[in-house]
Amino acid sequence: MEVPAAYKNAGLANLIGGGLNAFFAFWYVIGFIWVCIGVIWLVPMAASGYSAYVGWQMYNGEATPAAKNASIAGIVGGLFCFNILSAAASGFAFMQLGNDEVKGWLEQHGAA
């Protein structure tokens, strides 16, 4: 069975949103490390990197059980970095993963 387009769209949204937010979080760390609060953004940067990595897997058509978790991590990372574009992209990905076709495909491949 072909990979559903909604699943690939969700992967692309996670990849773009996670990468964009990891970039923003990196600059928060670099900009605020001298006042010792920059390390706070290491956690959102890691969550966004995780979201981008899983998004890459999804975009390549690999069935991953961590798809919804990565979307939630992207939403949280976007909100912690005050990046509404990243949070919206991850929210879109989360909504796409609720599609019945995507759910059925993930269940067929043992990743649901």
PDB file of N, CA and C in Angstrom:
ATOM      1  N   MET A   1       0.843  -1.184   0.000  1.00  0.00           N
ATOM      2  CA  MET A   1       0.000   0.000   0.000  1.00  0.00           C
ATOM      3  C   MET A   1       0.884   1.241   0.000  1.00  0.00           C
ATOM      4  N   GLU A   2       0.464   2.225  -0.752  1.00  0.00           N
ATOM      5  CA  GLU A   2       1.192   3.483  -0.870  1.00  0.00           C
ATOM      6  C   GLU A   2       1.078   4.292   0.425  1.00  0.00           C
ATOM      7  N   VAL A   3       2.135   5.036   0.729  1.00  0.00           N
ATOM      8  CA  VAL A   3       2.133   5.898   1.912  1.00  0.00           C
ATOM      9  C   VAL A   3       1.099   6.997   1.704  1.00  0.00           C
ATOM     10  N   PRO A   4       0.204   7.220   2.675  1.00  0.00           N
ATOM     11  CA  PRO A   4      -0.811   8.276   2.512  1.00  0.00           C
ATOM     12  C   PRO A   4      -0.173   9.661   2.401  1.00  0.00           C
ATOM     13  N   ALA A   5      -0.765  10.489   1.568  1.00  0.00           N
ATOM     14  CA  ALA A   5      -0.252  11.845   1.372  1.00  0.00           C
ATOM     15  C   ALA A   5      -0.338  12.654   2.661  1.00  0.00           C
ATOM     16  N   ALA A   6      -1.367  12.414   3.468  1.00  0.00           N
ATOM     17  CA  ALA A   6      -1.505  13.156   4.728  1.00  0.00           C
ATOM     18  C   ALA A   6      -0.347  12.836   5.673  1.00  0.00           C
ATOM     19  N   TYR A   7       0.138  11.598   5.641  1.00  0.00           N
ATOM     20  CA  TYR A   7       1.265  11.198   6.492  1.00  0.00           C
ATOM     21  C   TYR A   7       2.543  11.906   6.041  1.00  0.00           C
ATOM     22  N   LYS A   8       2.749  11.968   4.721  1.00  0.00           N
ATOM     23  CA  LYS A   8       3.929  12.661   4.206  1.00  0.00           C
ATOM     24  C   LYS A   8       3.836  14.168   4.459  1.00  0.00           C
ATOM     25  N   ASN A   9       2.637  14.725   4.352  1.00  0.00           N
ATOM     26  CA  ASN A   9       2.455  16.148   4.657  1.00  0.00           C
ATOM     27  C   ASN A   9       2.749  16.428   6.122  1.00  0.00           C
ATOM     28  N   ALA A  10       2.309  15.531   6.997  1.00  0.00           N
ATOM     29  CA  ALA A  10       2.595  15.687   8.422  1.00  0.00           C
ATOM     30  C   ALA A  10       4.095  15.609   8.672  1.00  0.00           C
ATOM     31  N   GLY A  11       4.766  14.708   7.977  1.00  0.00           N
ATOM     32  CA  GLY A  11       6.215  14.604   8.119  1.00  0.00           C
ATOM     33  C   GLY A  11       6.928  15.859   7.656  1.00  0.00           C
ATOM     34  N   LEU A  12       6.485  16.417   6.538  1.00  0.00           N
ATOM     35  CA  LEU A  12       7.092  17.645   6.036  1.00  0.00           C
ATOM     36  C   LEU A  12       6.854  18.809   6.998  1.00  0.00           C
ATOM     37  N   ALA A  13       5.652  18.886   7.559  1.00  0.00           N
ATOM     38  CA  ALA A  13       5.353  19.952   8.530  1.00  0.00           C
ATOM     39  C   ALA A  13       6.211  19.793   9.780  1.00  0.00           C
ATOM     40  N   ASN A  14       6.375  18.555  10.261  1.00  0.00           N
ATOM     41  CA  ASN A  14       7.237  18.326  11.422  1.00  0.00           C
ATOM     42  C   ASN A  14       8.685  18.668  11.103  1.00  0.00           C
ATOM     43  N   LEU A  15       9.131  18.306   9.923  1.00  0.00           N
ATOM     44  CA  LEU A  15      10.513  18.574   9.527  1.00  0.00           C
ATOM     45  C   LEU A  15      10.784  20.074   9.452  1.00  0.00           C
ATOM     46  N   ILE A  16       9.917  20.808   8.797  1.00  0.00           N
ATOM     47  CA  ILE A  16      10.112  22.254   8.659  1.00  0.00           C
ATOM     48  C   ILE A  16       9.943  22.957  10.007  1.00  0.00           C
ATOM     49  N   GLY A  17       8.867  22.629  10.724  1.00  0.00           N
ATOM     50  CA  GLY A  17       8.630  23.272  12.018  1.00  0.00           C
ATOM     51  C   GLY A  17       9.709  22.952  13.034  1.00  0.00           C
ATOM     52  N   GLY A  18      10.122  21.691  13.095  1.00  0.00           N
ATOM     53  CA  GLY A  18      11.165  21.302  14.044  1.00  0.00           C
ATOM     54  C   GLY A  18      12.504  21.928  13.714  1.00  0.00           C
ATOM     55  N   GLY A  19      12.856  21.940  12.433  1.00  0.00           N
ATOM     56  CA  GLY A  19      14.121  22.552  12.040  1.00  0.00           C
ATOM     57  C   GLY A  19      14.147  24.048  12.293  1.00  0.00           C
ATOM     58  N   LEU A  20      13.048  24.715  11.965  1.00  0.00           N
ATOM     59  CA  LEU A  20      12.951  26.152  12.201  1.00  0.00           C
ATOM     60  C   LEU A  20      13.047  26.470  13.690  1.00  0.00           C
ATOM     61  N   ASN A  21      12.365  25.692  14.499  1.00  0.00           N
ATOM     62  CA  ASN A  21      12.379  25.962  15.929  1.00  0.00           C
ATOM     63  C   ASN A  21      13.726  25.604  16.557  1.00  0.00           C
ATOM     64  N   ALA A  22      14.374  24.548  16.084  1.00  0.00           N
ATOM     65  CA  ALA A  22      15.706  24.219  16.598  1.00  0.00           C
ATOM     66  C   ALA A  22      16.681  25.355  16.282  1.00  0.00           C
ATOM     67  N   PHE A  23      16.528  25.964  15.107  1.00  0.00           N
ATOM     68  CA  PHE A  23      17.355  27.108  14.731  1.00  0.00           C
ATOM     69  C   PHE A  23      17.122  28.286  15.683  1.00  0.00           C
ATOM     70  N   PHE A  24      15.852  28.594  15.957  1.00  0.00           N
ATOM     71  CA  PHE A  24      15.535  29.687  16.883  1.00  0.00           C
ATOM     72  C   PHE A  24      16.053  29.385  18.286  1.00  0.00           C
ATOM     73  N   ALA A  25      15.864  28.154  18.743  1.00  0.00           N
ATOM     74  CA  ALA A  25      16.314  27.791  20.089  1.00  0.00           C
ATOM     75  C   ALA A  25      17.833  27.874  20.188  1.00  0.00           C
ATOM     76  N   PHE A  26      18.525  27.489  19.130  1.00  0.00           N
ATOM     77  CA  PHE A  26      19.985  27.597  19.122  1.00  0.00           C
ATOM     78  C   PHE A  26      20.418  29.043  19.338  1.00  0.00           C
ATOM     79  N   TRP A  27      19.749  29.976  18.668  1.00  0.00           N
ATOM     80  CA  TRP A  27      20.124  31.375  18.832  1.00  0.00           C
ATOM     81  C   TRP A  27      19.718  31.928  20.189  1.00  0.00           C
ATOM     82  N   TYR A  28      18.648  31.392  20.784  1.00  0.00           N
ATOM     83  CA  TYR A  28      18.321  31.761  22.161  1.00  0.00           C
ATOM     84  C   TYR A  28      19.437  31.312  23.105  1.00  0.00           C
ATOM     85  N   VAL A  29      19.921  30.093  22.902  1.00  0.00           N
ATOM     86  CA  VAL A  29      21.008  29.582  23.749  1.00  0.00           C
ATOM     87  C   VAL A  29      22.247  30.448  23.581  1.00  0.00           C
ATOM     88  N   ILE A  30      22.632  30.713  22.341  1.00  0.00           N
ATOM     89  CA  ILE A  30      23.831  31.524  22.086  1.00  0.00           C
ATOM     90  C   ILE A  30      23.660  32.944  22.626  1.00  0.00           C
ATOM     91  N   GLY A  31      22.495  33.527  22.460  1.00  0.00           N
ATOM     92  CA  GLY A  31      22.270  34.908  22.878  1.00  0.00           C
ATOM     93  C   GLY A  31      22.177  35.101  24.378  1.00  0.00           C
ATOM     94  N   PHE A  32      21.683  34.088  25.089  1.00  0.00           N
ATOM     95  CA  PHE A  32      21.459  34.257  26.525  1.00  0.00           C
ATOM     96  C   PHE A  32      22.377  33.417  27.397  1.00  0.00           C
ATOM     97  N   ILE A  33      23.362  32.748  26.829  1.00  0.00           N
ATOM     98  CA  ILE A  33      24.239  31.905  27.637  1.00  0.00           C
ATOM     99  C   ILE A  33      25.086  32.746  28.595  1.00  0.00           C
ATOM    100  N   TRP A  34      25.370  33.967  28.223  1.00  0.00           N
ATOM    101  CA  TRP A  34      26.211  34.819  29.053  1.00  0.00           C
ATOM    102  C   TRP A  34      25.503  35.287  30.321  1.00  0.00           C
ATOM    103  N   VAL A  35      24.175  35.195  30.375  1.00  0.00           N
ATOM    104  CA  VAL A  35      23.454  35.530  31.602  1.00  0.00           C
ATOM    105  C   VAL A  35      22.916  34.274  32.282  1.00  0.00           C
ATOM    106  N   CYS A  36      23.428  33.133  31.876  1.00  0.00           N
ATOM    107  CA  CYS A  36      23.149  31.831  32.497  1.00  0.00           C
ATOM    108  C   CYS A  36      21.705  31.359  32.360  1.00  0.00           C
ATOM    109  N   ILE A  37      20.906  31.980  31.510  1.00  0.00           N
ATOM    110  CA  ILE A  37      19.564  31.449  31.278  1.00  0.00           C
ATOM    111  C   ILE A  37      19.436  30.832  29.895  1.00  0.00           C
ATOM    112  N   GLY A  38      20.513  30.883  29.116  1.00  0.00           N
ATOM    113  CA  GLY A  38      20.477  30.301  27.781  1.00  0.00           C
ATOM    114  C   GLY A  38      20.302  28.798  27.792  1.00  0.00           C
ATOM    115  N   VAL A  39      20.758  28.159  28.868  1.00  0.00           N
ATOM    116  CA  VAL A  39      20.649  26.696  28.938  1.00  0.00           C
ATOM    117  C   VAL A  39      19.198  26.239  29.045  1.00  0.00           C
ATOM    118  N   ILE A  40      18.301  27.142  29.406  1.00  0.00           N
ATOM    119  CA  ILE A  40      16.880  26.791  29.487  1.00  0.00           C
ATOM    120  C   ILE A  40      16.375  26.339  28.124  1.00  0.00           C
ATOM    121  N   TRP A  41      16.906  26.924  27.057  1.00  0.00           N
ATOM    122  CA  TRP A  41      16.419  26.610  25.713  1.00  0.00           C
ATOM    123  C   TRP A  41      17.066  25.368  25.113  1.00  0.00           C
ATOM    124  N   LEU A  42      17.896  24.669  25.881  1.00  0.00           N
ATOM    125  CA  LEU A  42      18.434  23.405  25.381  1.00  0.00           C
ATOM    126  C   LEU A  42      17.339  22.342  25.286  1.00  0.00           C
ATOM    127  N   VAL A  43      16.389  22.370  26.210  1.00  0.00           N
ATOM    128  CA  VAL A  43      15.300  21.384  26.182  1.00  0.00           C
ATOM    129  C   VAL A  43      14.385  21.598  24.974  1.00  0.00           C
ATOM    130  N   PRO A  44      13.892  22.825  24.703  1.00  0.00           N
ATOM    131  CA  PRO A  44      13.103  23.009  23.478  1.00  0.00           C
ATOM    132  C   PRO A  44      13.902  22.731  22.211  1.00  0.00           C
ATOM    133  N   MET A  45      15.213  22.992  22.241  1.00  0.00           N
ATOM    134  CA  MET A  45      16.032  22.706  21.070  1.00  0.00           C
ATOM    135  C   MET A  45      16.108  21.199  20.834  1.00  0.00           C
ATOM    136  N   ALA A  46      16.245  20.418  21.900  1.00  0.00           N
ATOM    137  CA  ALA A  46      16.274  18.958  21.759  1.00  0.00           C
ATOM    138  C   ALA A  46      14.919  18.427  21.301  1.00  0.00           C
ATOM    139  N   ALA A  47      13.836  18.968  21.856  1.00  0.00           N
ATOM    140  CA  ALA A  47      12.494  18.530  21.447  1.00  0.00           C
ATOM    141  C   ALA A  47      12.245  18.855  19.979  1.00  0.00           C
ATOM    142  N   SER A  48      12.708  20.000  19.538  1.00  0.00           N
ATOM    143  CA  SER A  48      12.522  20.389  18.141  1.00  0.00           C
ATOM    144  C   SER A  48      13.392  19.556  17.211  1.00  0.00           C
ATOM    145  N   GLY A  49      14.587  19.230  17.651  1.00  0.00           N
ATOM    146  CA  GLY A  49      15.434  18.344  16.859  1.00  0.00           C
ATOM    147  C   GLY A  49      14.826  16.964  16.717  1.00  0.00           C
ATOM    148  N   TYR A  50      14.230  16.481  17.801  1.00  0.00           N
ATOM    149  CA  TYR A  50      13.527  15.190  17.766  1.00  0.00           C
ATOM    150  C   TYR A  50      12.350  15.250  16.800  1.00  0.00           C
ATOM    151  N   SER A  51      11.610  16.337  16.842  1.00  0.00           N
ATOM    152  CA  SER A  51      10.475  16.512  15.939  1.00  0.00           C
ATOM    153  C   SER A  51      10.936  16.533  14.483  1.00  0.00           C
ATOM    154  N   ALA A  52      12.033  17.218  14.210  1.00  0.00           N
ATOM    155  CA  ALA A  52      12.555  17.277  12.841  1.00  0.00           C
ATOM    156  C   ALA A  52      13.049  15.911  12.382  1.00  0.00           C
ATOM    157  N   TYR A  53      13.704  15.169  13.268  1.00  0.00           N
ATOM    158  CA  TYR A  53      14.213  13.837  12.911  1.00  0.00           C
ATOM    159  C   TYR A  53      13.077  12.871  12.587  1.00  0.00           C
ATOM    160  N   VAL A  54      12.059  12.856  13.419  1.00  0.00           N
ATOM    161  CA  VAL A  54      10.914  11.978  13.161  1.00  0.00           C
ATOM    162  C   VAL A  54      10.159  12.459  11.924  1.00  0.00           C
ATOM    163  N   GLY A  55      10.090  13.769  11.725  1.00  0.00           N
ATOM    164  CA  GLY A  55       9.471  14.304  10.516  1.00  0.00           C
ATOM    165  C   GLY A  55      10.190  13.845   9.258  1.00  0.00           C
ATOM    166  N   TRP A  56      11.507  13.764   9.319  1.00  0.00           N
ATOM    167  CA  TRP A  56      12.278  13.258   8.184  1.00  0.00           C
ATOM    168  C   TRP A  56      11.936  11.796   7.909  1.00  0.00           C
ATOM    169  N   GLN A  57      11.828  11.006   8.969  1.00  0.00           N
ATOM    170  CA  GLN A  57      11.437   9.600   8.803  1.00  0.00           C
ATOM    171  C   GLN A  57      10.050   9.502   8.184  1.00  0.00           C
ATOM    172  N   MET A  58       9.134  10.318   8.655  1.00  0.00           N
ATOM    173  CA  MET A  58       7.768  10.287   8.139  1.00  0.00           C
ATOM    174  C   MET A  58       7.733  10.709   6.675  1.00  0.00           C
ATOM    175  N   TYR A  59       8.476  11.740   6.341  1.00  0.00           N
ATOM    176  CA  TYR A  59       8.478  12.224   4.958  1.00  0.00           C
ATOM    177  C   TYR A  59       9.065  11.188   4.002  1.00  0.00           C
ATOM    178  N   ASN A  60       9.995  10.384   4.499  1.00  0.00           N
ATOM    179  CA  ASN A  60      10.575   9.316   3.682  1.00  0.00           C
ATOM    180  C   ASN A  60       9.685   8.091   3.611  1.00  0.00           C
ATOM    181  N   GLY A  61       8.547   8.099   4.285  1.00  0.00           N
ATOM    182  CA  GLY A  61       7.591   7.008   4.185  1.00  0.00           C
ATOM    183  C   GLY A  61       7.798   5.886   5.173  1.00  0.00           C
ATOM    184  N   GLU A  62       8.609   6.090   6.202  1.00  0.00           N
ATOM    185  CA  GLU A  62       8.820   5.072   7.221  1.00  0.00           C
ATOM    186  C   GLU A  62       7.707   5.174   8.258  1.00  0.00           C
ATOM    187  N   ALA A  63       7.123   4.042   8.591  1.00  0.00           N
ATOM    188  CA  ALA A  63       6.081   4.027   9.627  1.00  0.00           C
ATOM    189  C   ALA A  63       6.764   4.092  10.987  1.00  0.00           C
ATOM    190  N   THR A  64       6.521   5.138  11.724  1.00  0.00           N
ATOM    191  CA  THR A  64       7.147   5.302  13.029  1.00  0.00           C
ATOM    192  C   THR A  64       6.075   5.463  14.099  1.00  0.00           C
ATOM    193  N   PRO A  65       6.207   4.729  15.211  1.00  0.00           N
ATOM    194  CA  PRO A  65       5.216   4.875  16.284  1.00  0.00           C
ATOM    195  C   PRO A  65       5.354   6.192  17.049  1.00  0.00           C
ATOM    196  N   ALA A  66       6.436   6.923  16.825  1.00  0.00           N
ATOM    197  CA  ALA A  66       6.677   8.165  17.556  1.00  0.00           C
ATOM    198  C   ALA A  66       6.129   9.387  16.835  1.00  0.00           C
ATOM    199  N   ALA A  67       5.287   9.192  15.826  1.00  0.00           N
ATOM    200  CA  ALA A  67       4.825  10.321  15.016  1.00  0.00           C
ATOM    201  C   ALA A  67       4.023  11.327  15.846  1.00  0.00           C
ATOM    202  N   LYS A  68       3.061  10.845  16.619  1.00  0.00           N
ATOM    203  CA  LYS A  68       2.244  11.777  17.414  1.00  0.00           C
ATOM    204  C   LYS A  68       3.063  12.415  18.527  1.00  0.00           C
ATOM    205  N   ASN A  69       3.946  11.637  19.149  1.00  0.00           N
ATOM    206  CA  ASN A  69       4.788  12.194  20.206  1.00  0.00           C
ATOM    207  C   ASN A  69       5.685  13.303  19.667  1.00  0.00           C
ATOM    208  N   ALA A  70       6.218  13.100  18.467  1.00  0.00           N
ATOM    209  CA  ALA A  70       7.083  14.119  17.870  1.00  0.00           C
ATOM    210  C   ALA A  70       6.297  15.381  17.538  1.00  0.00           C
ATOM    211  N   SER A  71       5.061  15.222  17.109  1.00  0.00           N
ATOM    212  CA  SER A  71       4.233  16.400  16.826  1.00  0.00           C
ATOM    213  C   SER A  71       3.948  17.179  18.105  1.00  0.00           C
ATOM    214  N   ILE A  72       3.658  16.471  19.175  1.00  0.00           N
ATOM    215  CA  ILE A  72       3.414  17.136  20.463  1.00  0.00           C
ATOM    216  C   ILE A  72       4.690  17.816  20.954  1.00  0.00           C
ATOM    217  N   ALA A  73       5.844  17.150  20.796  1.00  0.00           N
ATOM    218  CA  ALA A  73       7.117  17.765  21.185  1.00  0.00           C
ATOM    219  C   ALA A  73       7.377  19.029  20.370  1.00  0.00           C
ATOM    220  N   GLY A  74       7.006  19.019  19.099  1.00  0.00           N
ATOM    221  CA  GLY A  74       7.167  20.211  18.268  1.00  0.00           C
ATOM    222  C   GLY A  74       6.274  21.353  18.716  1.00  0.00           C
ATOM    223  N   ILE A  75       5.046  21.025  19.119  1.00  0.00           N
ATOM    224  CA  ILE A  75       4.137  22.066  19.625  1.00  0.00           C
ATOM    225  C   ILE A  75       4.706  22.682  20.898  1.00  0.00           C
ATOM    226  N   VAL A  76       5.143  21.837  21.816  1.00  0.00           N
ATOM    227  CA  VAL A  76       5.692  22.327  23.088  1.00  0.00           C
ATOM    228  C   VAL A  76       6.960  23.144  22.849  1.00  0.00           C
ATOM    229  N   GLY A  77       7.845  22.644  21.991  1.00  0.00           N
ATOM    230  CA  GLY A  77       9.069  23.385  21.680  1.00  0.00           C
ATOM    231  C   GLY A  77       8.772  24.730  21.047  1.00  0.00           C
ATOM    232  N   GLY A  78       7.792  24.762  20.157  1.00  0.00           N
ATOM    233  CA  GLY A  78       7.414  26.026  19.524  1.00  0.00           C
ATOM    234  C   GLY A  78       6.849  27.026  20.515  1.00  0.00           C
ATOM    235  N   LEU A  79       6.056  26.544  21.448  1.00  0.00           N
ATOM    236  CA  LEU A  79       5.481  27.451  22.443  1.00  0.00           C
ATOM    237  C   LEU A  79       6.536  27.960  23.416  1.00  0.00           C
ATOM    238  N   PHE A  80       7.488  27.115  23.803  1.00  0.00           N
ATOM    239  CA  PHE A  80       8.539  27.560  24.715  1.00  0.00           C
ATOM    240  C   PHE A  80       9.469  28.580  24.068  1.00  0.00           C
ATOM    241  N   CYS A  81       9.639  28.491  22.762  1.00  0.00           N
ATOM    242  CA  CYS A  81      10.497  29.448  22.055  1.00  0.00           C
ATOM    243  C   CYS A  81       9.715  30.616  21.470  1.00  0.00           C
ATOM    244  N   PHE A  82       8.431  30.698  21.787  1.00  0.00           N
ATOM    245  CA  PHE A  82       7.578  31.783  21.299  1.00  0.00           C
ATOM    246  C   PHE A  82       7.570  31.842  19.769  1.00  0.00           C
ATOM    247  N   ASN A  83       7.591  30.672  19.143  1.00  0.00           N
ATOM    248  CA  ASN A  83       7.628  30.563  17.685  1.00  0.00           C
ATOM    249  C   ASN A  83       6.294  29.990  17.219  1.00  0.00           C
ATOM    250  N   ILE A  84       5.383  30.864  16.856  1.00  0.00           N
ATOM    251  CA  ILE A  84       4.028  30.441  16.509  1.00  0.00           C
ATOM    252  C   ILE A  84       4.001  29.656  15.199  1.00  0.00           C
ATOM    253  N   LEU A  85       4.919  29.934  14.273  1.00  0.00           N
ATOM    254  CA  LEU A  85       4.950  29.198  13.008  1.00  0.00           C
ATOM    255  C   LEU A  85       5.297  27.731  13.228  1.00  0.00           C
ATOM    256  N   SER A  86       6.257  27.483  14.080  1.00  0.00           N
ATOM    257  CA  SER A  86       6.648  26.107  14.377  1.00  0.00           C
ATOM    258  C   SER A  86       5.542  25.372  15.116  1.00  0.00           C
ATOM    259  N   ALA A  87       4.924  26.033  16.069  1.00  0.00           N
ATOM    260  CA  ALA A  87       3.824  25.404  16.810  1.00  0.00           C
ATOM    261  C   ALA A  87       2.649  25.113  15.886  1.00  0.00           C
ATOM    262  N   ALA A  88       2.368  26.022  14.957  1.00  0.00           N
ATOM    263  CA  ALA A  88       1.267  25.802  14.016  1.00  0.00           C
ATOM    264  C   ALA A  88       1.575  24.655  13.060  1.00  0.00           C
ATOM    265  N   ALA A  89       2.819  24.558  12.590  1.00  0.00           N
ATOM    266  CA  ALA A  89       3.197  23.461  11.695  1.00  0.00           C
ATOM    267  C   ALA A  89       3.082  22.119  12.407  1.00  0.00           C
ATOM    268  N   SER A  90       3.515  22.061  13.656  1.00  0.00           N
ATOM    269  CA  SER A  90       3.408  20.814  14.409  1.00  0.00           C
ATOM    270  C   SER A  90       1.954  20.496  14.740  1.00  0.00           C
ATOM    271  N   GLY A  91       1.151  21.516  14.988  1.00  0.00           N
ATOM    272  CA  GLY A  91      -0.279  21.297  15.202  1.00  0.00           C
ATOM    273  C   GLY A  91      -0.952  20.764  13.951  1.00  0.00           C
ATOM    274  N   PHE A  92      -0.566  21.286  12.790  1.00  0.00           N
ATOM    275  CA  PHE A  92      -1.081  20.772  11.520  1.00  0.00           C
ATOM    276  C   PHE A  92      -0.682  19.311  11.334  1.00  0.00           C
ATOM    277  N   ALA A  93       0.558  18.987  11.668  1.00  0.00           N
ATOM    278  CA  ALA A  93       1.020  17.603  11.549  1.00  0.00           C
ATOM    279  C   ALA A  93       0.224  16.691  12.471  1.00  0.00           C
ATOM    280  N   PHE A  94      -0.048  17.158  13.675  1.00  0.00           N
ATOM    281  CA  PHE A  94      -0.819  16.355  14.626  1.00  0.00           C
ATOM    282  C   PHE A  94      -2.230  16.110  14.100  1.00  0.00           C
ATOM    283  N   MET A  95      -2.828  17.120  13.489  1.00  0.00           N
ATOM    284  CA  MET A  95      -4.174  16.946  12.921  1.00  0.00           C
ATOM    285  C   MET A  95      -4.152  15.976  11.743  1.00  0.00           C
ATOM    286  N   GLN A  96      -3.114  16.024  10.925  1.00  0.00           N
ATOM    287  CA  GLN A  96      -3.017  15.107   9.791  1.00  0.00           C
ATOM    288  C   GLN A  96      -2.864  13.660  10.252  1.00  0.00           C
ATOM    289  N   LEU A  97      -2.231  13.457  11.389  1.00  0.00           N
ATOM    290  CA  LEU A  97      -2.051  12.101  11.908  1.00  0.00           C
ATOM    291  C   LEU A  97      -3.353  11.517  12.437  1.00  0.00           C
ATOM    292  N   GLY A  98      -4.361  12.337  12.638  1.00  0.00           N
ATOM    293  CA  GLY A  98      -5.668  11.851  13.070  1.00  0.00           C
ATOM    294  C   GLY A  98      -6.547  11.391  11.924  1.00  0.00           C
ATOM    295  N   ASN A  99      -6.075  11.537  10.693  1.00  0.00           N
ATOM    296  CA  ASN A  99      -6.813  11.110   9.510  1.00  0.00           C
ATOM    297  C   ASN A  99      -7.021   9.592   9.551  1.00  0.00           C
ATOM    298  N   ASP A 100      -8.214   9.139   9.172  1.00  0.00           N
ATOM    299  CA  ASP A 100      -8.523   7.709   9.223  1.00  0.00           C
ATOM    300  C   ASP A 100      -7.613   6.894   8.313  1.00  0.00           C
ATOM    301  N   GLU A 101      -7.285   7.434   7.156  1.00  0.00           N
ATOM    302  CA  GLU A 101      -6.401   6.719   6.231  1.00  0.00           C
ATOM    303  C   GLU A 101      -5.007   6.532   6.839  1.00  0.00           C
ATOM    304  N   VAL A 102      -4.517   7.563   7.513  1.00  0.00           N
ATOM    305  CA  VAL A 102      -3.199   7.493   8.147  1.00  0.00           C
ATOM    306  C   VAL A 102      -3.226   6.503   9.304  1.00  0.00           C
ATOM    307  N   LYS A 103      -4.286   6.551  10.110  1.00  0.00           N
ATOM    308  CA  LYS A 103      -4.402   5.605  11.226  1.00  0.00           C
ATOM    309  C   LYS A 103      -4.385   4.165  10.727  1.00  0.00           C
ATOM    310  N   GLY A 104      -5.161   3.898   9.675  1.00  0.00           N
ATOM    311  CA  GLY A 104      -5.210   2.551   9.116  1.00  0.00           C
ATOM    312  C   GLY A 104      -3.869   2.105   8.567  1.00  0.00           C
ATOM    313  N   TRP A 105      -3.157   3.021   7.906  1.00  0.00           N
ATOM    314  CA  TRP A 105      -1.850   2.684   7.352  1.00  0.00           C
ATOM    315  C   TRP A 105      -0.848   2.388   8.464  1.00  0.00           C
ATOM    316  N   LEU A 106      -0.876   3.198   9.530  1.00  0.00           N
ATOM    317  CA  LEU A 106       0.037   2.959  10.649  1.00  0.00           C
ATOM    318  C   LEU A 106      -0.278   1.639  11.350  1.00  0.00           C
ATOM    319  N   GLU A 107      -1.564   1.313  11.488  1.00  0.00           N
ATOM    320  CA  GLU A 107      -1.936   0.038  12.101  1.00  0.00           C
ATOM    321  C   GLU A 107      -1.487  -1.135  11.242  1.00  0.00           C
ATOM    322  N   GLN A 108      -1.581  -1.004   9.927  1.00  0.00           N
ATOM    323  CA  GLN A 108      -1.127  -2.067   9.029  1.00  0.00           C
ATOM    324  C   GLN A 108       0.363  -2.322   9.162  1.00  0.00           C
ATOM    325  N   HIS A 109       1.110  -1.276   9.417  1.00  0.00           N
ATOM    326  CA  HIS A 109       2.558  -1.409   9.520  1.00  0.00           C
ATOM    327  C   HIS A 109       3.034  -1.564  10.961  1.00  0.00           C
ATOM    328  N   GLY A 110       2.127  -1.757  11.888  1.00  0.00           N
ATOM    329  CA  GLY A 110       2.485  -2.028  13.281  1.00  0.00           C
ATOM    330  C   GLY A 110       3.057  -0.846  14.027  1.00  0.00           C
ATOM    331  N   ALA A 111       2.721   0.349  13.626  1.00  0.00           N
ATOM    332  CA  ALA A 111       3.277   1.534  14.275  1.00  0.00           C
ATOM    333  C   ALA A 111       2.218   2.366  14.982  1.00  0.00           C
ATOM    334  N   ALA A 112       1.031   1.818  15.175  1.00  0.00           N
ATOM    335  CA  ALA A 112      -0.032   2.606  15.803  1.00  0.00           C
ATOM    336  C   ALA A 112      -0.132   2.325  17.284  1.00  0.00           C
TER     337      ALA A 112
END
